[in-house]
Amino acid sequence: MNAASWLLRRLIHAAGLLLAVLVLNFVLIHAAPGDPAVVIAGEMGGASTEVMDKIRADYGLDQTLPVQLLRYLGRVVGGDLGHSFYFNRPVASLVAERMGATALLVVSAILTAFVLGTWLGILAARRPRGLAAQLVAVFSVAGFAAPVFWTGMMLLLLFASTLPIFPVSGMEDVGRPKLGFAHAIDVAHHLVLPAMTLALVYIAQYSRQSRAGMLAALAADYIRTARAKGLGEGRVVYRHALRNALIPVITIAGLQFGQVLAGAVLVETVYSWPGLGRLAYESILRRDSPTLLGILLGSALMVILANLATDAAYRLADPRMRGA
């Protein structure tokens, strides 16, 4: 199958999945107890019965659930995600403002975990009984066992209080200009602690997985043949063994993108990172269902795109998959 046909088939599957997510999220949120009109009226300081009825009519809350669902799907197709009950702004603009920060945090964490985890796994696999392998094993167990919020608080205490190297919260310094290379450095400086907090648990997992994959690859016949031909150890490890060892790591990284996105909610709360996680937390507390639906749609879209990227990386790493 050529690349165009593969991409078209994946996009069709992605569109069907996105539609299912939209319907499921809408039904589940509207099935939850409580009346959004009461929340809206509460922000106004209370309202009479006539005002409550007008609020329900203005937001379409007086319609049956199937009618509300069809209207919502029609608006989404047209690019309208509704109007926030609490923030009194279009949901699309709210989600667009926050999605970039969350995507930056999540992608940075996954790339950091993938690169460091793979490197540690290679280091442990090359000398399975050495000191480095034992240290990697201890780090893997500790990193996997530590909760994300605890890791975040410990890193805050260490690198923002005891050793004030990194900023405590936020994404950028308010007083600095928001353009140019200096701004990029400022954002990267604020990104270090949140990204490392989110990445640590996955570094532990990827190091164990890459270690197991490298051990299996280094024991294979084609590796012995490569060494018998006189190839250098670096070329044997990084060009021949690593390519096969990376396949399960790539698969796990793609499958865990949704988990990393969910973990970002806690990290964004600890570090006051202005992403979708904090917006979701505020929307849940205020029962702002249009904003929450927009956040879930944006999150689902990021997960679907990440899975598409994972499939593409899998095809690059394993030529046998290019015909699938």
Protein backbone atom coordinates (compact mmCIF):
# COMPACT_ATOMS: atom_id res chain seq x y z
CA MET A 1 0.00 0.00 0.00
CA ASN A 2 1.41 3.41 -0.96
CA ALA A 3 1.69 6.28 1.48
CA ALA A 4 -1.29 8.23 0.05
CA SER A 5 -3.69 5.28 0.37
CA TRP A 6 -2.44 4.53 3.88
CA LEU A 7 -2.90 8.16 4.95
CA LEU A 8 -6.40 8.36 3.44
CA ARG A 9 -7.50 5.20 5.24
CA ARG A 10 -6.09 6.47 8.53
CA LEU A 11 -7.85 9.83 8.12
CA ILE A 12 -11.19 8.12 7.50
CA HIS A 13 -10.72 6.03 10.64
CA ALA A 14 -9.73 9.15 12.57
CA ALA A 15 -12.87 11.01 11.44
CA GLY A 16 -15.10 8.13 12.57
CA LEU A 17 -13.32 7.94 15.90
CA LEU A 18 -13.63 11.70 16.42
CA LEU A 19 -17.37 11.54 15.73
CA ALA A 20 -17.78 8.73 18.27
CA VAL A 21 -15.84 10.75 20.85
CA LEU A 22 -18.02 13.82 20.24
CA VAL A 23 -21.25 11.87 20.71
CA LEU A 24 -20.04 9.96 23.77
CA ASN A 25 -18.68 13.06 25.52
CA PHE A 26 -21.87 15.02 24.85
CA VAL A 27 -24.15 12.27 26.17
CA LEU A 28 -22.05 11.61 29.29
CA ILE A 29 -21.70 15.28 30.26
CA HIS A 30 -25.41 16.01 29.78
CA ALA A 31 -26.32 12.84 31.69
CA ALA A 32 -24.52 14.15 34.77
CA PRO A 33 -26.82 15.50 37.52
CA GLY A 34 -27.37 19.22 37.85
CA ASP A 35 -28.73 22.06 35.74
CA PRO A 36 -26.26 24.34 33.93
CA ALA A 37 -28.89 27.11 34.01
CA VAL A 38 -28.65 27.13 37.80
CA VAL A 39 -24.87 27.60 37.54
CA ILE A 40 -25.30 30.47 35.09
CA ALA A 41 -27.90 32.09 37.29
CA GLY A 42 -25.64 31.63 40.30
CA GLU A 43 -22.92 33.67 38.59
CA MET A 44 -25.55 36.39 38.14
CA GLY A 45 -26.41 36.33 41.83
CA GLY A 46 -29.71 34.47 41.35
CA ALA A 47 -32.62 34.78 38.96
CA SER A 48 -36.37 34.46 38.75
CA THR A 49 -38.23 31.64 37.05
CA GLU A 50 -38.74 33.75 33.93
CA VAL A 51 -35.03 34.55 33.69
CA MET A 52 -34.15 30.86 34.22
CA ASP A 53 -36.47 29.88 31.37
CA LYS A 54 -34.87 32.51 29.13
CA ILE A 55 -31.38 31.23 29.99
CA ARG A 56 -32.42 27.68 29.04
CA ALA A 57 -33.94 28.95 25.77
CA ASP A 58 -30.88 31.08 24.90
CA TYR A 59 -28.48 28.15 25.40
CA GLY A 60 -30.82 25.53 23.92
CA LEU A 61 -31.14 23.73 27.24
CA ASP A 62 -34.92 23.52 26.89
CA GLN A 63 -34.61 21.10 23.95
CA THR A 64 -34.49 17.31 24.15
CA LEU A 65 -31.09 15.64 24.31
CA PRO A 66 -31.16 14.29 20.68
CA VAL A 67 -32.03 17.77 19.38
CA GLN A 68 -29.24 19.35 21.44
CA LEU A 69 -26.80 16.71 20.16
CA LEU A 70 -27.69 17.27 16.49
CA ARG A 71 -27.39 21.03 16.89
CA TYR A 72 -24.05 20.63 18.62
CA LEU A 73 -22.66 18.36 15.89
CA GLY A 74 -23.83 20.82 13.24
CA ARG A 75 -22.07 23.69 15.00
CA VAL A 76 -18.86 21.69 15.40
CA VAL A 77 -18.79 20.89 11.68
CA GLY A 78 -19.04 24.64 11.07
CA GLY A 79 -16.18 25.34 13.49
CA ASP A 80 -18.41 26.67 16.30
CA LEU A 81 -17.77 24.96 19.64
CA GLY A 82 -20.35 27.04 21.49
CA HIS A 83 -20.15 29.78 24.10
CA SER A 84 -18.69 29.37 27.57
CA PHE A 85 -21.20 29.68 30.41
CA TYR A 86 -18.62 30.95 32.89
CA PHE A 87 -15.95 32.75 30.84
CA ASN A 88 -18.57 34.35 28.52
CA ARG A 89 -16.34 33.79 25.51
CA PRO A 90 -16.39 31.52 22.45
CA VAL A 91 -15.10 28.08 23.44
CA ALA A 92 -13.01 27.79 20.28
CA SER A 93 -10.89 30.80 21.25
CA LEU A 94 -10.49 29.54 24.84
CA VAL A 95 -9.33 26.11 23.70
CA ALA A 96 -7.06 27.56 21.00
CA GLU A 97 -5.34 29.77 23.58
CA ARG A 98 -4.60 26.87 25.92
CA MET A 99 -3.97 24.01 23.46
CA GLY A 100 -0.56 25.29 22.40
CA ALA A 101 0.74 25.31 25.97
CA THR A 102 -0.52 21.79 26.65
CA ALA A 103 0.83 20.46 23.35
CA LEU A 104 4.23 22.01 24.09
CA LEU A 105 4.31 20.42 27.56
CA VAL A 106 3.12 16.97 26.45
CA VAL A 107 5.31 16.70 23.33
CA SER A 108 8.37 17.92 25.25
CA ALA A 109 7.73 15.36 28.00
CA ILE A 110 7.25 12.48 25.54
CA LEU A 111 10.34 13.37 23.48
CA THR A 112 12.43 13.73 26.65
CA ALA A 113 11.18 10.42 28.00
CA PHE A 114 11.71 8.67 24.67
CA VAL A 115 15.27 9.91 24.13
CA LEU A 116 16.51 9.53 27.73
CA GLY A 117 14.65 6.26 28.30
CA THR A 118 16.02 4.71 25.12
CA TRP A 119 19.55 5.87 25.92
CA LEU A 120 19.38 4.45 29.45
CA GLY A 121 18.02 1.17 28.09
CA ILE A 122 20.90 0.90 25.62
CA LEU A 123 23.37 1.70 28.38
CA ALA A 124 21.91 -1.05 30.58
CA ALA A 125 21.70 -3.61 27.77
CA ARG A 126 25.31 -3.27 26.64
CA ARG A 127 26.58 -4.37 30.08
CA PRO A 128 23.66 -6.18 31.72
CA ARG A 129 25.59 -7.03 34.90
CA GLY A 130 27.43 -3.75 35.27
CA LEU A 131 26.90 -0.92 37.71
CA ALA A 132 25.14 1.23 35.12
CA ALA A 133 22.54 -1.48 34.52
CA GLN A 134 21.86 -1.76 38.26
CA LEU A 135 21.48 2.01 38.61
CA VAL A 136 19.09 2.13 35.65
CA ALA A 137 17.02 -0.66 37.24
CA VAL A 138 16.80 1.22 40.55
CA PHE A 139 15.90 4.47 38.78
CA SER A 140 13.22 2.68 36.74
CA VAL A 141 11.52 1.25 39.81
CA ALA A 142 11.69 4.57 41.69
CA GLY A 143 10.52 6.63 38.74
CA PHE A 144 7.61 4.33 37.98
CA ALA A 145 6.47 4.20 41.63
CA ALA A 146 6.57 7.95 42.33
CA PRO A 147 3.22 9.77 41.81
CA VAL A 148 3.33 12.68 39.37
CA PHE A 149 2.12 15.28 41.89
CA TRP A 150 4.73 14.14 44.46
CA THR A 151 7.50 14.30 41.86
CA GLY A 152 6.37 17.80 40.92
CA MET A 153 6.43 19.03 44.50
CA MET A 154 9.85 17.48 45.17
CA LEU A 155 11.32 19.10 42.05
CA LEU A 156 9.76 22.41 43.09
CA LEU A 157 11.35 22.18 46.53
CA LEU A 158 14.73 21.20 45.11
CA PHE A 159 15.13 23.37 42.02
CA ALA A 160 12.86 26.31 42.82
CA SER A 161 13.38 26.70 46.57
CA THR A 162 16.58 25.03 47.78
CA LEU A 163 18.44 25.64 44.51
CA PRO A 164 16.52 28.46 42.81
CA ILE A 165 17.49 27.54 39.26
CA PHE A 166 14.09 27.32 37.57
CA PRO A 167 10.87 29.37 37.85
CA VAL A 168 8.20 28.26 40.31
CA SER A 169 5.12 28.69 38.12
CA GLY A 170 3.74 30.01 34.87
CA MET A 171 4.91 29.74 31.29
CA GLU A 172 6.78 33.03 30.90
CA ASP A 173 7.95 36.10 32.79
CA VAL A 174 5.37 38.86 32.61
CA GLY A 175 7.89 41.67 32.26
CA ARG A 176 9.78 40.19 29.29
CA PRO A 177 8.91 40.80 25.63
CA LYS A 178 6.93 38.01 23.99
CA LEU A 179 8.82 37.96 20.70
CA GLY A 180 12.13 36.65 19.43
CA PHE A 181 14.77 34.26 20.66
CA ALA A 182 14.78 35.68 24.20
CA HIS A 183 11.11 34.76 24.58
CA ALA A 184 11.77 31.21 23.37
CA ILE A 185 14.54 30.85 25.95
CA ASP A 186 12.23 32.19 28.65
CA VAL A 187 9.50 29.67 27.79
CA ALA A 188 12.05 26.83 27.67
CA HIS A 189 13.34 27.89 31.10
CA HIS A 190 9.81 27.67 32.53
CA LEU A 191 9.20 24.38 30.69
CA VAL A 192 12.06 22.38 32.24
CA LEU A 193 10.46 21.44 35.57
CA PRO A 194 6.92 20.66 34.28
CA ALA A 195 8.26 18.59 31.37
CA MET A 196 10.69 16.64 33.57
CA THR A 197 7.96 15.99 36.16
CA LEU A 198 5.71 14.54 33.49
CA ALA A 199 8.54 12.67 31.74
CA LEU A 200 10.16 10.91 34.71
CA VAL A 201 7.64 8.09 35.05
CA TYR A 202 7.78 7.40 31.30
CA ILE A 203 11.58 7.54 31.22
CA ALA A 204 11.47 4.65 33.68
CA GLN A 205 9.08 2.65 31.49
CA TYR A 206 10.89 3.32 28.22
CA SER A 207 14.27 2.44 29.72
CA ARG A 208 12.97 -0.96 30.81
CA GLN A 209 11.32 -1.58 27.46
CA SER A 210 14.31 -0.48 25.39
CA ARG A 211 16.65 -2.54 27.60
CA ALA A 212 14.57 -5.68 26.98
CA GLY A 213 14.39 -4.93 23.25
CA MET A 214 18.13 -4.29 23.00
CA LEU A 215 18.98 -7.50 24.90
CA ALA A 216 16.81 -9.50 22.49
CA ALA A 217 18.24 -7.73 19.45
CA LEU A 218 21.89 -8.10 20.55
CA ALA A 219 21.38 -11.86 20.99
CA ALA A 220 19.97 -12.29 17.46
CA ASP A 221 21.82 -14.07 14.65
CA TYR A 222 22.06 -11.01 12.41
CA ILE A 223 23.97 -9.16 15.15
CA ARG A 224 26.47 -12.00 15.46
CA THR A 225 26.85 -11.95 11.68
CA ALA A 226 27.46 -8.20 11.69
CA ARG A 227 30.13 -8.56 14.36
CA ALA A 228 31.71 -11.45 12.47
CA LYS A 229 32.00 -9.19 9.42
CA GLY A 230 34.13 -6.82 11.49
CA LEU A 231 31.64 -3.97 11.95
CA GLY A 232 32.37 -1.61 14.82
CA GLU A 233 30.40 -2.01 18.05
CA GLY A 234 28.83 1.41 17.72
CA ARG A 235 27.51 0.65 14.25
CA VAL A 236 26.23 -2.74 15.35
CA VAL A 237 24.36 -1.29 18.32
CA TYR A 238 22.99 1.96 16.91
CA ARG A 239 22.39 1.07 13.28
CA HIS A 240 21.36 -2.60 13.40
CA ALA A 241 20.15 -3.51 16.90
CA LEU A 242 18.56 -0.20 17.90
CA ARG A 243 16.23 -0.04 14.91
CA ASN A 244 14.52 -3.29 15.93
CA ALA A 245 14.62 -2.48 19.64
CA LEU A 246 12.84 0.84 19.04
CA ILE A 247 9.70 -0.73 17.54
CA PRO A 248 8.01 -1.71 20.86
CA VAL A 249 9.11 1.58 22.45
CA ILE A 250 7.49 3.57 19.62
CA THR A 251 4.30 1.55 20.00
CA ILE A 252 4.12 2.15 23.75
CA ALA A 253 4.88 5.86 23.35
CA GLY A 254 1.97 6.25 20.94
CA LEU A 255 -0.44 4.30 23.12
CA GLN A 256 0.52 6.29 26.20
CA PHE A 257 0.00 9.72 24.67
CA GLY A 258 -3.47 9.86 26.20
CA GLN A 259 -2.07 8.97 29.61
CA VAL A 260 0.56 11.70 29.33
CA LEU A 261 -2.18 14.16 28.40
CA ALA A 262 -4.18 13.10 31.46
CA GLY A 263 -1.10 13.46 33.66
CA ALA A 264 -0.63 16.97 32.32
CA VAL A 265 -3.74 18.04 34.27
CA LEU A 266 -1.92 17.43 37.57
CA VAL A 267 1.35 18.92 36.34
CA GLU A 268 -0.36 22.06 35.06
CA THR A 269 -2.08 22.45 38.42
CA VAL A 270 1.18 22.08 40.39
CA TYR A 271 3.13 24.51 38.19
CA SER A 272 0.26 26.84 37.24
CA TRP A 273 0.94 26.02 33.60
CA PRO A 274 -1.67 27.80 31.42
CA GLY A 275 -2.87 24.78 29.46
CA LEU A 276 -6.02 22.75 28.86
CA GLY A 277 -5.60 20.91 32.17
CA ARG A 278 -6.18 23.99 34.32
CA LEU A 279 -9.01 25.11 32.05
CA ALA A 280 -10.65 21.68 32.40
CA TYR A 281 -10.33 21.83 36.18
CA GLU A 282 -12.01 25.25 36.30
CA SER A 283 -14.74 24.15 33.87
CA ILE A 284 -15.58 21.03 35.89
CA LEU A 285 -15.91 23.04 39.11
CA ARG A 286 -18.30 25.48 37.41
CA ARG A 287 -20.14 22.90 35.28
CA ASP A 288 -19.24 24.79 32.14
CA SER A 289 -20.23 22.00 29.75
CA PRO A 290 -19.54 23.81 26.42
CA THR A 291 -15.97 24.59 27.52
CA LEU A 292 -15.48 21.06 28.83
CA LEU A 293 -16.74 19.58 25.55
CA GLY A 294 -14.32 21.81 23.64
CA ILE A 295 -11.42 20.71 25.83
CA LEU A 296 -12.30 17.04 25.35
CA LEU A 297 -12.54 17.58 21.59
CA GLY A 298 -9.14 19.28 21.51
CA SER A 299 -7.60 16.53 23.63
CA ALA A 300 -9.09 13.80 21.45
CA LEU A 301 -7.76 15.55 18.35
CA MET A 302 -4.24 15.68 19.83
CA VAL A 303 -4.39 11.97 20.74
CA ILE A 304 -5.59 11.02 17.25
CA LEU A 305 -2.82 13.07 15.61
CA ALA A 306 -0.27 11.49 17.95
CA ASN A 307 -1.48 8.01 16.96
CA LEU A 308 -1.14 8.94 13.29
CA ALA A 309 2.41 10.14 13.92
CA THR A 310 3.15 6.90 15.80
CA ASP A 311 1.90 4.79 12.91
CA ALA A 312 4.08 6.80 10.52
CA ALA A 313 7.13 6.36 12.76
CA TYR A 314 6.38 2.65 13.04
CA ARG A 315 6.36 2.33 9.25
CA LEU A 316 9.71 4.14 9.05
CA ALA A 317 11.28 1.94 11.72
CA ASP A 318 9.91 -1.36 10.37
CA PRO A 319 9.92 -1.64 6.56
CA ARG A 320 7.68 -4.73 6.80
CA MET A 321 4.79 -2.46 7.86
CA ARG A 322 4.89 -0.38 4.70
CA GLY A 323 2.74 -2.87 2.87
CA ALA A 324 0.06 -2.89 5.59
